[in-house]
Protein backbone atom coordinates (compact mmCIF):
# COMPACT_ATOMS: atom_id res chain seq x y z
CA UNK A 1 -0.26 1.26 -25.76
CA UNK A 2 2.75 -0.71 -26.97
CA UNK A 3 1.92 -3.94 -28.74
CA UNK A 4 2.85 -7.32 -27.25
CA UNK A 5 5.94 -8.88 -28.79
CA UNK A 6 4.72 -11.68 -31.08
CA UNK A 7 8.09 -12.91 -32.40
CA UNK A 8 9.27 -16.48 -31.79
CA UNK A 9 11.11 -15.58 -28.59
CA UNK A 10 9.69 -13.70 -25.58
CA UNK A 11 12.88 -11.59 -25.38
CA UNK A 12 14.76 -10.52 -28.49
CA UNK A 13 17.06 -7.66 -27.47
CA UNK A 14 20.80 -8.46 -27.94
CA UNK A 15 22.18 -10.85 -25.31
CA UNK A 16 18.70 -11.70 -24.03
CA UNK A 17 19.85 -15.29 -23.56
CA UNK A 18 22.71 -14.28 -21.21
CA UNK A 19 22.49 -14.38 -17.40
CA UNK A 20 19.54 -12.31 -16.24
CA UNK A 21 19.47 -9.58 -13.62
CA UNK A 22 16.23 -8.46 -11.98
CA UNK A 23 15.17 -6.30 -9.05
CA UNK A 24 11.94 -5.23 -7.38
CA UNK A 25 10.91 -1.59 -7.52
CA UNK A 26 8.47 -0.81 -4.69
CA UNK A 27 6.58 2.49 -4.68
CA UNK A 28 4.76 3.56 -1.52
CA UNK A 29 1.94 6.03 -2.14
CA UNK A 30 2.02 7.46 1.42
CA UNK A 31 4.59 6.53 4.06
CA UNK A 32 2.84 8.12 7.07
CA UNK A 33 -0.68 7.04 7.99
CA UNK A 34 -3.13 7.06 10.88
CA UNK A 35 -4.48 3.86 12.44
CA UNK A 36 -7.29 2.54 10.24
CA UNK A 37 -5.87 4.09 7.04
CA UNK A 38 -4.99 2.03 3.96
CA UNK A 39 -1.40 1.69 2.74
CA UNK A 40 -0.98 1.33 -1.03
CA UNK A 41 2.21 -0.18 -2.49
CA UNK A 42 2.86 -0.58 -6.21
CA UNK A 43 5.55 -3.02 -7.34
CA UNK A 44 7.37 -3.66 -10.60
CA UNK A 45 10.06 -6.14 -11.68
CA UNK A 46 12.80 -4.47 -13.71
CA UNK A 47 15.76 -6.05 -15.47
CA UNK A 48 16.51 -8.26 -18.47
CA UNK A 49 17.99 -11.58 -19.52
CA UNK A 50 17.57 -15.26 -18.76
CA UNK A 51 15.48 -16.32 -15.77
CA UNK A 52 13.56 -19.36 -14.59
CA UNK A 53 10.39 -17.60 -13.46
CA UNK A 54 9.94 -15.57 -10.30
CA UNK A 55 8.95 -16.17 -6.70
CA UNK A 56 7.89 -13.16 -4.61
CA UNK A 57 7.74 -13.43 -0.81
CA UNK A 58 6.87 -10.75 1.75
CA UNK A 59 7.39 -10.48 5.51
CA UNK A 60 6.02 -7.90 7.99
CA UNK A 61 7.65 -6.54 11.14
CA UNK A 62 4.41 -6.30 13.14
CA UNK A 63 0.83 -7.50 12.94
CA UNK A 64 -0.70 -4.18 11.93
CA UNK A 65 -3.09 -5.04 9.08
CA UNK A 66 -6.78 -5.90 9.05
CA UNK A 67 -6.62 -9.27 7.27
CA UNK A 68 -10.26 -9.05 6.18
CA UNK A 69 -9.63 -5.80 4.31
CA UNK A 70 -6.07 -6.22 2.99
CA UNK A 71 -5.44 -7.55 -0.51
CA UNK A 72 -2.82 -8.05 -3.21
CA UNK A 73 -3.89 -7.49 -6.82
CA UNK A 74 -1.79 -9.25 -9.48
CA UNK A 75 -1.97 -11.36 -12.63
CA UNK A 76 -2.66 -10.72 -16.30
CA UNK A 77 -6.02 -9.68 -17.67
CA UNK A 78 -5.77 -11.00 -21.26
CA UNK A 79 -6.73 -8.72 -24.14
CA UNK A 80 -10.43 -8.95 -25.00
CA UNK A 81 -13.29 -6.85 -26.26
CA UNK A 82 -14.11 -5.94 -22.64
CA UNK A 83 -10.78 -4.12 -22.19
CA UNK A 84 -10.43 -2.85 -25.78
CA UNK A 85 -8.00 -5.69 -26.62
CA UNK A 86 -5.35 -4.33 -24.25
CA UNK A 87 -3.25 -6.37 -21.88
CA UNK A 88 -3.79 -5.25 -18.27
CA UNK A 89 -2.72 -6.09 -14.73
CA UNK A 90 -4.99 -6.96 -11.82
CA UNK A 91 -6.80 -10.19 -12.66
CA UNK A 92 -6.32 -11.81 -9.23
CA UNK A 93 -7.37 -10.51 -5.81
CA UNK A 94 -5.43 -12.34 -3.09
CA UNK A 95 -6.01 -12.09 0.67
CA UNK A 96 -3.01 -10.55 2.43
CA UNK A 97 -2.25 -11.77 5.97
CA UNK A 98 0.00 -10.45 8.71
CA UNK A 99 2.29 -13.40 8.06
CA UNK A 100 2.92 -12.10 4.54
CA UNK A 101 2.32 -13.92 1.27
CA UNK A 102 4.20 -16.03 -1.27
CA UNK A 103 3.32 -15.37 -4.90
CA UNK A 104 4.34 -17.06 -8.13
CA UNK A 105 3.67 -14.31 -10.69
CA UNK A 106 1.29 -15.23 -13.49
CA UNK A 107 2.66 -16.38 -16.84
CA UNK A 108 1.43 -15.80 -20.36
CA UNK A 109 2.05 -17.70 -23.58
CA UNK A 110 1.92 -16.42 -27.14
CA UNK A 111 1.69 -18.84 -30.11
CA UNK A 112 5.22 -19.86 -31.04
CA UNK A 113 6.80 -19.30 -27.63
CA UNK A 114 8.36 -22.47 -26.20
CA UNK A 115 6.74 -21.98 -22.75
CA UNK A 116 4.64 -19.51 -20.73
CA UNK A 117 6.58 -16.47 -19.48
CA UNK A 118 6.23 -14.13 -16.50
CA UNK A 119 7.84 -11.23 -18.36
CA UNK A 120 8.60 -10.51 -22.00
CA UNK A 121 9.35 -7.73 -24.48
CA UNK A 122 6.48 -5.37 -25.06
CA UNK A 123 7.84 -4.26 -28.43
CA UNK A 124 10.32 -5.81 -30.83
CA UNK A 125 13.75 -4.15 -30.86
CA UNK A 126 13.54 -2.77 -27.32
CA UNK A 127 14.24 -4.32 -23.93
CA UNK A 128 11.22 -2.75 -22.26
CA UNK A 129 9.55 -5.67 -20.49
CA UNK A 130 5.96 -6.03 -19.38
CA UNK A 131 6.72 -6.18 -15.62
CA UNK A 132 8.22 -2.69 -15.83
CA UNK A 133 5.00 -1.18 -17.10
CA UNK A 134 1.77 0.08 -15.56
CA UNK A 135 -1.01 -1.43 -17.66
CA UNK A 136 -4.05 0.13 -16.01
CA UNK A 137 -2.41 -1.06 -12.75
CA UNK A 138 1.10 -1.92 -11.61
CA UNK A 139 2.04 -5.62 -11.87
CA UNK A 140 1.55 -5.96 -8.10
CA UNK A 141 -0.68 -3.62 -6.09
CA UNK A 142 -1.00 -3.99 -2.31
CA UNK A 143 -3.96 -2.32 -0.61
CA UNK A 144 -3.40 -2.95 3.08
CA UNK A 145 -5.76 -1.54 5.69
CA UNK A 146 -4.13 -0.90 9.06
CA UNK A 147 -5.91 -1.89 12.26
CA UNK A 148 -7.66 0.89 14.15
CA UNK A 149 -5.75 -0.14 17.27
CA UNK A 150 -2.40 -0.63 15.50
CA UNK A 151 0.52 0.37 17.70
CA UNK A 152 2.16 3.61 16.50
CA UNK A 153 5.72 3.81 15.26
CA UNK A 154 7.88 2.87 12.28
CA UNK A 155 7.02 -0.47 10.65
CA UNK A 156 8.57 -2.24 7.73
CA UNK A 157 7.82 -4.84 5.09
CA UNK A 158 10.53 -6.86 3.37
CA UNK A 159 10.04 -8.38 -0.09
CA UNK A 160 12.27 -11.04 -1.66
CA UNK A 161 12.38 -11.77 -5.39
CA UNK A 162 13.94 -15.16 -6.20
CA UNK A 163 14.83 -16.48 -9.65
CA UNK A 164 17.43 -18.61 -11.48
CA UNK A 165 19.40 -16.38 -13.82
CA UNK A 166 20.68 -19.12 -16.14
CA UNK A 167 23.75 -19.75 -14.00
CA UNK A 168 22.82 -19.43 -10.33
CA UNK A 169 19.92 -18.72 -7.99
CA UNK A 170 19.49 -15.06 -7.10
CA UNK A 171 17.47 -13.56 -4.23
CA UNK A 172 16.97 -9.79 -4.26
CA UNK A 173 15.61 -7.81 -1.29
CA UNK A 174 13.36 -4.74 -1.32
CA UNK A 175 12.45 -3.05 1.98
CA UNK A 176 9.50 -0.68 2.50
CA UNK A 177 9.16 1.43 5.65
CA UNK A 178 6.08 3.31 6.83
CA UNK A 179 4.99 5.05 9.99
CA UNK A 180 1.74 4.85 11.95
CA UNK A 181 1.01 8.09 13.81
CA UNK A 182 0.38 8.26 17.54
CA UNK A 183 -2.55 10.27 18.95
CA UNK A 184 -0.62 13.53 19.20
CA UNK A 185 0.77 13.26 15.66
CA UNK A 186 -2.69 12.41 14.34
CA UNK A 187 -4.27 15.54 15.81
CA UNK A 188 -1.19 17.75 15.75
CA UNK A 189 -2.66 20.38 13.40
CA UNK A 190 -5.93 20.64 15.33
CA UNK A 191 -4.11 20.90 18.68
CA UNK A 192 -1.82 23.62 17.34
CA UNK A 193 -4.81 25.69 16.21
CA UNK A 194 -6.63 25.22 19.50
CA UNK A 195 -3.51 26.14 21.49
CA UNK A 196 -3.01 29.29 19.43
CA UNK A 197 -6.65 30.31 19.91
CA UNK A 198 -6.42 29.69 23.66
CA UNK A 199 -3.33 31.86 23.97
CA UNK A 200 -4.91 34.60 21.88
CA UNK A 201 -8.03 34.65 24.08
CA UNK A 202 -5.88 34.68 27.22
CA UNK A 203 -3.96 37.73 26.00
CA UNK A 204 -7.14 39.60 25.19
CA UNK A 205 -8.76 38.78 28.50
CA UNK A 206 -5.99 38.85 31.10
CA UNK A 207 -2.92 40.38 29.52
CA UNK A 208 0.53 38.84 29.11
CA UNK A 209 1.27 37.59 32.67
CA UNK A 210 -1.07 34.55 32.65
CA UNK A 211 0.62 33.24 29.50
CA UNK A 212 3.07 31.24 31.61
CA UNK A 213 0.19 29.26 33.12
CA UNK A 214 -1.36 28.75 29.70
CA UNK A 215 1.92 27.46 28.24
CA UNK A 216 2.22 25.07 31.18
CA UNK A 217 -1.27 23.63 30.63
CA UNK A 218 -0.72 23.22 26.88
CA UNK A 219 2.60 21.44 27.55
CA UNK A 220 0.88 19.02 29.93
CA UNK A 221 -1.82 18.25 27.34
CA UNK A 222 0.74 17.55 24.61
CA UNK A 223 2.79 15.33 26.94
CA UNK A 224 -0.25 13.24 27.83
CA UNK A 225 -1.18 12.71 24.18
CA UNK A 226 2.31 11.52 23.27
CA UNK A 227 2.04 8.56 25.64
C-alpha cells in the first residue's frame, strides 16, 4: 500500500494551494433488487486543491429502508499492529434513516501539519488523495436493507458534497437510482419456466388446438402479478 504523505503540508502537488475542485463518485453494486434485499453503495471524493473540509448530506425519494438494519460505514482506522500498520476506512458505523444523514467526514493529523485534514496526498510527488482510494473499504460504504413491503418502482437517493474551495462555497450533487422489483419481476424466471412446461405438457396431451386457451390463462396470471 502507498505510504501516507508525511511532509509538512497535507497536499504538495503543484498548485495545491489554488482553488479546489471536488466531486462525489458513487458506485452502486446492484441497481435492481427485490423487497428485503440490501443495497450497497460505495462512495469516494475525488479532486484536488484548497478546501475547508467537507459536509456530505443525503436525501431519499421514498421511505424504503429498514432503519434498524441500514448503516453507513465511514471514518479512518488509524495504522496499528492490529491492521498491520495500514491506514483503513470503516471505523464508524452510523445508523441510516429514511430521512437521510448528514456527515462531516473524519479528519486526520500528522505531526507537522497545521490542522487535521479530511483528505491528503497518499504519496509525495503525486496528487492521488486518500479519499480516492479503497483502503480495505471505500471512504463511505452504505449498506441499506430495503423493507420487505417496500413499494416497487424506481427510487433515487441524492447526495450533496459541500466545501469552501478557497474562494467560494461549492455544492456538488451526485444522484443514485435503483429499482425495486414488483412480484412479477421478482418471479419472472420461475414463471417463464412454469409457463413453458405447461405449454409443453398441453401439446403432448391434447395437441396444438388447446394452446390458445393455455396462452390466455398464462396471460391472465401474468397480468394479475403485475398489479
